[in-house]
N, C-alpha and C. Protein backbone atom coordinates (compact mmCIF):
# COMPACT_ATOMS: atom_id res chain seq x y z
N MET A 1 85.30 99.74 128.92
CA MET A 1 85.72 100.50 127.75
C MET A 1 86.65 101.63 128.20
N GLN A 2 87.82 101.71 127.57
CA GLN A 2 88.74 102.79 127.88
C GLN A 2 88.30 104.07 127.20
N THR A 3 88.60 105.18 127.87
CA THR A 3 88.24 106.48 127.32
C THR A 3 89.48 107.35 127.20
N ALA A 4 89.30 108.50 126.61
CA ALA A 4 90.40 109.45 126.46
C ALA A 4 90.99 109.80 127.83
N ARG A 5 90.15 109.94 128.82
CA ARG A 5 90.59 110.26 130.18
C ARG A 5 91.60 109.25 130.71
N ASP A 6 91.43 107.98 130.32
CA ASP A 6 92.30 106.91 130.81
C ASP A 6 93.72 106.98 130.25
N ILE A 7 93.89 107.56 129.08
CA ILE A 7 95.21 107.54 128.46
C ILE A 7 95.81 108.92 128.23
N MET A 8 95.04 109.98 128.41
CA MET A 8 95.55 111.32 128.11
C MET A 8 96.65 111.73 129.08
N SER A 9 97.53 112.57 128.60
CA SER A 9 98.55 113.17 129.44
C SER A 9 97.94 114.44 130.03
N THR A 10 98.05 114.60 131.33
CA THR A 10 97.46 115.77 131.96
C THR A 10 98.51 116.84 132.28
N ASP A 11 99.77 116.47 132.20
CA ASP A 11 100.85 117.43 132.41
C ASP A 11 101.19 118.01 131.03
N VAL A 12 100.33 118.90 130.56
CA VAL A 12 100.40 119.36 129.17
C VAL A 12 101.26 120.62 129.07
N ILE A 13 102.15 120.61 128.11
CA ILE A 13 102.95 121.79 127.80
C ILE A 13 102.14 122.60 126.80
N THR A 14 101.88 123.85 127.14
CA THR A 14 101.08 124.71 126.27
C THR A 14 101.84 125.99 125.93
N VAL A 15 101.33 126.69 124.95
CA VAL A 15 101.83 128.01 124.59
C VAL A 15 100.64 128.94 124.45
N THR A 16 100.92 130.22 124.38
CA THR A 16 99.88 131.22 124.13
C THR A 16 100.02 131.72 122.71
N PRO A 17 99.01 132.42 122.21
CA PRO A 17 99.13 132.96 120.86
C PRO A 17 100.32 133.91 120.70
N GLU A 18 100.76 134.53 121.79
CA GLU A 18 101.86 135.50 121.73
C GLU A 18 103.24 134.86 121.82
N THR A 19 103.31 133.57 122.07
CA THR A 19 104.60 132.88 122.17
C THR A 19 105.38 133.03 120.87
N GLU A 20 106.67 133.29 121.01
CA GLU A 20 107.54 133.43 119.83
C GLU A 20 107.72 132.05 119.16
N ILE A 21 107.81 132.05 117.85
CA ILE A 21 107.97 130.82 117.08
C ILE A 21 109.19 130.03 117.52
N ALA A 22 110.31 130.70 117.74
CA ALA A 22 111.54 130.01 118.16
C ALA A 22 111.34 129.29 119.49
N GLN A 23 110.60 129.90 120.40
CA GLN A 23 110.34 129.27 121.70
C GLN A 23 109.45 128.04 121.53
N ALA A 24 108.44 128.13 120.68
CA ALA A 24 107.57 126.98 120.41
C ALA A 24 108.37 125.84 119.80
N ALA A 25 109.25 126.16 118.86
CA ALA A 25 110.09 125.13 118.23
C ALA A 25 110.98 124.47 119.27
N ARG A 26 111.54 125.25 120.17
CA ARG A 26 112.40 124.71 121.23
C ARG A 26 111.60 123.77 122.14
N LEU A 27 110.38 124.14 122.49
CA LEU A 27 109.54 123.28 123.34
C LEU A 27 109.23 121.96 122.66
N LEU A 28 108.94 122.02 121.38
CA LEU A 28 108.65 120.79 120.62
C LEU A 28 109.87 119.88 120.59
N LEU A 29 111.02 120.46 120.32
CA LEU A 29 112.25 119.66 120.23
C LEU A 29 112.69 119.13 121.59
N ASP A 30 112.74 120.00 122.58
CA ASP A 30 113.23 119.60 123.90
C ASP A 30 112.37 118.52 124.54
N ASN A 31 111.07 118.57 124.28
CA ASN A 31 110.15 117.62 124.90
C ASN A 31 109.78 116.46 123.99
N LYS A 32 110.36 116.45 122.78
CA LYS A 32 110.12 115.37 121.82
C LYS A 32 108.62 115.12 121.60
N ILE A 33 107.91 116.22 121.34
CA ILE A 33 106.48 116.14 121.08
C ILE A 33 106.19 116.73 119.71
N ASN A 34 105.05 116.40 119.16
CA ASN A 34 104.69 116.87 117.83
C ASN A 34 103.85 118.13 117.85
N GLY A 35 103.06 118.33 118.90
CA GLY A 35 102.15 119.46 118.90
C GLY A 35 102.00 120.11 120.25
N LEU A 36 101.70 121.41 120.22
CA LEU A 36 101.48 122.18 121.43
C LEU A 36 100.09 122.83 121.37
N PRO A 37 99.24 122.54 122.35
CA PRO A 37 97.97 123.25 122.41
C PRO A 37 98.24 124.73 122.68
N VAL A 38 97.45 125.58 122.07
CA VAL A 38 97.55 127.02 122.27
C VAL A 38 96.33 127.43 123.09
N VAL A 39 96.59 128.04 124.25
CA VAL A 39 95.51 128.41 125.16
C VAL A 39 95.54 129.90 125.46
N ASP A 40 94.36 130.42 125.79
CA ASP A 40 94.30 131.82 126.21
C ASP A 40 94.53 131.91 127.72
N ALA A 41 94.41 133.09 128.27
CA ALA A 41 94.70 133.31 129.69
C ALA A 41 93.79 132.52 130.62
N GLN A 42 92.60 132.15 130.15
CA GLN A 42 91.65 131.39 130.96
C GLN A 42 91.79 129.87 130.77
N GLY A 43 92.74 129.45 129.96
CA GLY A 43 92.94 128.02 129.73
C GLY A 43 92.05 127.44 128.65
N HIS A 44 91.38 128.29 127.88
CA HIS A 44 90.54 127.81 126.78
C HIS A 44 91.42 127.51 125.56
N LEU A 45 91.14 126.40 124.93
CA LEU A 45 91.88 125.99 123.74
C LEU A 45 91.51 126.91 122.59
N VAL A 46 92.50 127.57 121.99
CA VAL A 46 92.25 128.47 120.87
C VAL A 46 92.95 128.01 119.59
N GLY A 47 93.85 127.03 119.72
CA GLY A 47 94.56 126.56 118.54
C GLY A 47 95.52 125.45 118.89
N ILE A 48 96.22 124.99 117.90
CA ILE A 48 97.28 124.02 118.10
C ILE A 48 98.38 124.35 117.10
N VAL A 49 99.62 124.22 117.54
CA VAL A 49 100.75 124.44 116.65
C VAL A 49 101.57 123.16 116.66
N CYS A 50 101.81 122.64 115.47
CA CYS A 50 102.52 121.37 115.30
C CYS A 50 103.84 121.60 114.59
N GLN A 51 104.66 120.57 114.62
CA GLN A 51 105.94 120.65 113.92
C GLN A 51 105.74 121.08 112.47
N SER A 52 104.76 120.53 111.81
CA SER A 52 104.53 120.85 110.40
C SER A 52 104.18 122.31 110.20
N ASP A 53 103.52 122.94 111.18
CA ASP A 53 103.21 124.36 111.09
C ASP A 53 104.47 125.21 111.11
N LEU A 54 105.50 124.72 111.79
CA LEU A 54 106.75 125.47 111.89
C LEU A 54 107.71 125.13 110.75
N ILE A 55 107.67 123.89 110.30
CA ILE A 55 108.52 123.48 109.19
C ILE A 55 108.17 124.27 107.93
N VAL A 56 106.92 124.67 107.80
CA VAL A 56 106.48 125.41 106.62
C VAL A 56 107.29 126.70 106.44
N GLN A 57 107.91 127.21 107.51
CA GLN A 57 108.72 128.42 107.39
C GLN A 57 109.93 128.22 106.49
N GLN A 58 110.31 126.99 106.28
CA GLN A 58 111.45 126.70 105.42
C GLN A 58 111.02 126.38 103.98
N LYS A 59 109.73 126.39 103.76
CA LYS A 59 109.16 125.99 102.47
C LYS A 59 109.37 127.07 101.41
N ARG A 60 109.47 126.64 100.20
CA ARG A 60 109.53 127.55 99.05
C ARG A 60 108.10 128.03 98.77
N VAL A 61 107.95 129.32 98.58
CA VAL A 61 106.63 129.89 98.28
C VAL A 61 106.31 129.61 96.81
N ARG A 62 105.14 129.07 96.60
CA ARG A 62 104.69 128.85 95.22
C ARG A 62 103.68 129.94 94.87
N VAL A 63 104.04 130.74 93.93
CA VAL A 63 103.18 131.83 93.50
C VAL A 63 102.00 131.22 92.74
N PRO A 64 100.78 131.68 93.04
CA PRO A 64 99.61 131.14 92.34
C PRO A 64 99.72 131.32 90.83
N SER A 65 99.27 130.33 90.11
CA SER A 65 99.25 130.41 88.66
C SER A 65 98.16 131.37 88.22
N LEU A 66 98.49 132.17 87.24
CA LEU A 66 97.53 133.15 86.72
C LEU A 66 97.37 132.96 85.22
N PHE A 67 96.21 133.35 84.72
CA PHE A 67 96.09 133.47 83.28
C PHE A 67 95.25 134.71 83.01
N THR A 68 95.45 135.29 81.84
CA THR A 68 94.72 136.51 81.51
C THR A 68 93.50 136.15 80.69
N PHE A 69 92.47 136.90 80.96
CA PHE A 69 91.23 136.71 80.24
C PHE A 69 90.55 138.07 80.14
N LEU A 70 90.38 138.57 78.93
CA LEU A 70 89.76 139.88 78.71
C LEU A 70 90.43 140.97 79.54
N ASP A 71 91.74 141.03 79.44
CA ASP A 71 92.55 142.03 80.14
C ASP A 71 92.48 141.95 81.66
N GLY A 72 92.06 140.82 82.18
CA GLY A 72 92.04 140.62 83.63
C GLY A 72 92.85 139.38 83.98
N TYR A 73 93.22 139.28 85.24
CA TYR A 73 93.97 138.12 85.72
C TYR A 73 93.07 137.23 86.55
N ILE A 74 93.16 135.95 86.30
CA ILE A 74 92.38 134.97 87.05
C ILE A 74 93.37 133.98 87.64
N THR A 75 93.26 133.76 88.96
CA THR A 75 94.16 132.80 89.60
C THR A 75 93.58 131.40 89.47
N LEU A 76 94.47 130.43 89.32
CA LEU A 76 94.04 129.04 89.22
C LEU A 76 94.03 128.37 90.59
N THR A 77 94.60 129.02 91.57
CA THR A 77 94.60 128.49 92.93
C THR A 77 93.99 129.54 93.85
N SER A 78 93.61 129.12 95.02
CA SER A 78 92.97 130.00 95.98
C SER A 78 93.94 131.06 96.49
N THR A 79 93.56 132.32 96.40
CA THR A 79 94.41 133.38 96.94
C THR A 79 94.38 133.36 98.46
N LYS A 80 93.28 132.91 99.05
CA LYS A 80 93.23 132.78 100.51
C LYS A 80 94.25 131.77 101.01
N HIS A 81 94.35 130.65 100.32
CA HIS A 81 95.33 129.62 100.68
C HIS A 81 96.74 130.18 100.55
N PHE A 82 97.00 130.91 99.48
CA PHE A 82 98.31 131.51 99.27
C PHE A 82 98.62 132.52 100.37
N GLU A 83 97.68 133.36 100.72
CA GLU A 83 97.89 134.35 101.78
C GLU A 83 98.15 133.68 103.12
N ARG A 84 97.43 132.61 103.42
CA ARG A 84 97.63 131.89 104.68
C ARG A 84 99.02 131.25 104.71
N GLU A 85 99.44 130.71 103.58
CA GLU A 85 100.76 130.08 103.50
C GLU A 85 101.86 131.12 103.72
N VAL A 86 101.73 132.28 103.11
CA VAL A 86 102.72 133.34 103.29
C VAL A 86 102.74 133.81 104.74
N GLU A 87 101.56 133.91 105.36
CA GLU A 87 101.49 134.31 106.77
C GLU A 87 102.24 133.31 107.65
N LYS A 88 102.05 132.02 107.40
CA LYS A 88 102.75 131.00 108.19
C LYS A 88 104.26 131.06 107.97
N ILE A 89 104.68 131.28 106.74
CA ILE A 89 106.10 131.35 106.44
C ILE A 89 106.75 132.53 107.15
N ALA A 90 106.04 133.63 107.23
CA ALA A 90 106.59 134.85 107.84
C ALA A 90 106.27 134.97 109.33
N ALA A 91 105.65 133.96 109.92
CA ALA A 91 105.20 134.04 111.31
C ALA A 91 106.35 134.29 112.28
N SER A 92 106.07 135.16 113.24
CA SER A 92 107.02 135.38 114.34
C SER A 92 106.40 134.97 115.66
N GLN A 93 105.07 134.87 115.68
CA GLN A 93 104.35 134.42 116.88
C GLN A 93 103.47 133.22 116.52
N VAL A 94 103.18 132.44 117.54
CA VAL A 94 102.36 131.23 117.36
C VAL A 94 101.02 131.55 116.71
N ARG A 95 100.40 132.67 117.06
CA ARG A 95 99.08 133.02 116.50
C ARG A 95 99.08 133.02 114.97
N GLN A 96 100.22 133.32 114.37
CA GLN A 96 100.31 133.40 112.91
C GLN A 96 100.54 132.04 112.26
N ALA A 97 101.00 131.07 113.02
CA ALA A 97 101.32 129.76 112.46
C ALA A 97 100.35 128.67 112.88
N MET A 98 99.64 128.87 113.99
CA MET A 98 98.79 127.82 114.55
C MET A 98 97.58 127.52 113.69
N THR A 99 97.02 126.35 113.92
CA THR A 99 95.72 126.00 113.35
C THR A 99 94.68 126.42 114.38
N PRO A 100 93.84 127.39 114.04
CA PRO A 100 92.83 127.84 115.01
C PRO A 100 91.69 126.84 115.14
N ASP A 101 91.03 126.87 116.29
CA ASP A 101 89.88 126.00 116.55
C ASP A 101 90.14 124.55 116.16
N PRO A 102 91.14 123.92 116.76
CA PRO A 102 91.50 122.55 116.36
C PRO A 102 90.45 121.53 116.79
N THR A 103 90.48 120.40 116.13
CA THR A 103 89.64 119.28 116.53
C THR A 103 90.10 118.83 117.91
N SER A 104 89.15 118.55 118.77
CA SER A 104 89.46 118.05 120.11
C SER A 104 88.48 116.94 120.45
N VAL A 105 88.76 116.25 121.55
CA VAL A 105 87.86 115.20 122.02
C VAL A 105 87.51 115.47 123.47
N ALA A 106 86.41 114.89 123.90
CA ALA A 106 85.98 115.00 125.30
C ALA A 106 86.67 113.91 126.12
N PRO A 107 86.81 114.11 127.42
CA PRO A 107 87.45 113.10 128.26
C PRO A 107 86.78 111.74 128.20
N ASP A 108 85.47 111.71 127.94
CA ASP A 108 84.76 110.43 127.91
C ASP A 108 84.68 109.81 126.51
N ALA A 109 85.43 110.35 125.55
CA ALA A 109 85.45 109.79 124.20
C ALA A 109 86.07 108.39 124.24
N ALA A 110 85.47 107.46 123.53
CA ALA A 110 85.98 106.09 123.47
C ALA A 110 87.31 106.06 122.73
N ILE A 111 88.20 105.20 123.21
CA ILE A 111 89.53 105.07 122.60
C ILE A 111 89.41 104.74 121.11
N GLU A 112 88.45 103.91 120.75
CA GLU A 112 88.27 103.55 119.35
C GLU A 112 87.96 104.78 118.51
N ASP A 113 87.15 105.69 119.05
CA ASP A 113 86.81 106.91 118.32
C ASP A 113 88.02 107.83 118.20
N VAL A 114 88.81 107.90 119.25
CA VAL A 114 90.03 108.72 119.22
C VAL A 114 91.00 108.15 118.18
N ALA A 115 91.19 106.85 118.19
CA ALA A 115 92.10 106.20 117.23
C ALA A 115 91.62 106.42 115.79
N THR A 116 90.33 106.28 115.58
CA THR A 116 89.77 106.47 114.24
C THR A 116 90.02 107.90 113.76
N LEU A 117 89.77 108.86 114.61
CA LEU A 117 89.99 110.26 114.27
C LEU A 117 91.47 110.53 113.95
N MET A 118 92.35 109.99 114.77
CA MET A 118 93.78 110.20 114.55
C MET A 118 94.25 109.60 113.23
N VAL A 119 93.77 108.43 112.92
CA VAL A 119 94.19 107.75 111.69
C VAL A 119 93.57 108.41 110.46
N GLU A 120 92.27 108.64 110.49
CA GLU A 120 91.59 109.18 109.32
C GLU A 120 92.00 110.61 108.99
N LYS A 121 92.29 111.40 110.00
CA LYS A 121 92.67 112.80 109.78
C LYS A 121 94.18 113.03 109.87
N ASN A 122 94.93 111.96 110.13
CA ASN A 122 96.39 112.02 110.25
C ASN A 122 96.82 113.01 111.34
N TYR A 123 96.13 112.96 112.49
CA TYR A 123 96.48 113.80 113.64
C TYR A 123 97.51 113.06 114.49
N HIS A 124 98.49 113.78 114.96
CA HIS A 124 99.49 113.21 115.85
C HIS A 124 99.22 113.62 117.30
N THR A 125 98.50 114.71 117.46
CA THR A 125 98.19 115.25 118.78
C THR A 125 96.73 115.68 118.81
N LEU A 126 96.01 115.22 119.83
CA LEU A 126 94.61 115.60 119.99
C LEU A 126 94.39 116.21 121.37
N PRO A 127 93.96 117.46 121.43
CA PRO A 127 93.64 118.05 122.72
C PRO A 127 92.38 117.42 123.30
N VAL A 128 92.35 117.31 124.63
CA VAL A 128 91.17 116.82 125.33
C VAL A 128 90.58 118.03 126.07
N VAL A 129 89.31 118.31 125.80
CA VAL A 129 88.68 119.52 126.31
C VAL A 129 87.40 119.17 127.07
N ALA A 130 87.24 119.80 128.24
CA ALA A 130 86.01 119.68 129.03
C ALA A 130 85.56 121.08 129.40
N ASP A 131 84.30 121.38 129.13
CA ASP A 131 83.73 122.70 129.42
C ASP A 131 84.57 123.82 128.81
N GLY A 132 85.07 123.59 127.60
CA GLY A 132 85.83 124.60 126.89
C GLY A 132 87.27 124.77 127.33
N ARG A 133 87.67 124.05 128.36
CA ARG A 133 89.03 124.20 128.88
C ARG A 133 89.86 122.96 128.57
N LEU A 134 91.13 123.18 128.29
CA LEU A 134 92.05 122.09 128.02
C LEU A 134 92.31 121.32 129.31
N VAL A 135 92.09 119.99 129.27
CA VAL A 135 92.34 119.15 130.45
C VAL A 135 93.39 118.09 130.20
N GLY A 136 93.78 117.91 128.95
CA GLY A 136 94.78 116.90 128.63
C GLY A 136 95.08 116.89 127.14
N VAL A 137 95.95 115.98 126.77
CA VAL A 137 96.30 115.82 125.37
C VAL A 137 96.60 114.34 125.13
N ILE A 138 96.26 113.88 123.94
CA ILE A 138 96.55 112.51 123.54
C ILE A 138 97.45 112.56 122.32
N GLY A 139 98.60 111.91 122.44
CA GLY A 139 99.52 111.79 121.31
C GLY A 139 99.53 110.35 120.83
N LYS A 140 100.16 110.13 119.72
CA LYS A 140 100.22 108.77 119.18
C LYS A 140 100.91 107.81 120.14
N GLU A 141 101.89 108.30 120.90
CA GLU A 141 102.55 107.44 121.88
C GLU A 141 101.56 106.98 122.96
N ASP A 142 100.65 107.87 123.36
CA ASP A 142 99.63 107.48 124.34
C ASP A 142 98.76 106.35 123.79
N MET A 143 98.44 106.44 122.51
CA MET A 143 97.63 105.39 121.88
C MET A 143 98.42 104.08 121.82
N LEU A 144 99.72 104.16 121.52
CA LEU A 144 100.53 102.95 121.44
C LEU A 144 100.65 102.26 122.80
N ARG A 145 100.67 103.03 123.88
CA ARG A 145 100.74 102.42 125.22
C ARG A 145 99.52 101.55 125.51
N THR A 146 98.38 101.84 124.90
CA THR A 146 97.18 101.02 125.13
C THR A 146 97.39 99.62 124.57
N ILE A 147 98.17 99.49 123.52
CA ILE A 147 98.44 98.18 122.94
C ILE A 147 99.29 97.36 123.89
N MET A 148 100.27 97.99 124.51
CA MET A 148 101.15 97.26 125.45
C MET A 148 100.38 96.77 126.66
N HIS A 149 99.38 97.52 127.10
CA HIS A 149 98.60 97.10 128.27
C HIS A 149 97.62 95.97 127.96
N GLU A 150 97.31 95.81 126.66
CA GLU A 150 96.38 94.74 126.29
C GLU A 150 97.04 93.38 126.26
N GLU A 151 98.35 93.32 126.24
CA GLU A 151 99.06 92.04 126.15
C GLU A 151 99.05 91.31 127.48
């Protein structure tokens, strides 16, 4: 049975929460990757920043719908969601745009479980973590290479 360890990339390009957004975008483009694990000084995974997290900066802000009731305003959408969206749009550092505490897999996770997670959650990049530290990353290309080896 193949595991995450068998297919993960161990030469992982990472960023810190303090990395500038423009630098993260350049790393994604130059390396033709979809996501960058965000690590602290000890190598612990603290987040992930993906192309979609940065593309949101070009998005049009949708103001929450309001209606009045007894001289008060009630929002029809979550104000927390709106605040988070505005924070991502205005982000200058990775910490403001990243997804904190991302889903990760262990090195001994079965390939079938990794594939299921990627498909069901629409993940393009999955960090591989052992003892709280980032040890690798699995992208969709890594999963596709397993098909070529089965032939």
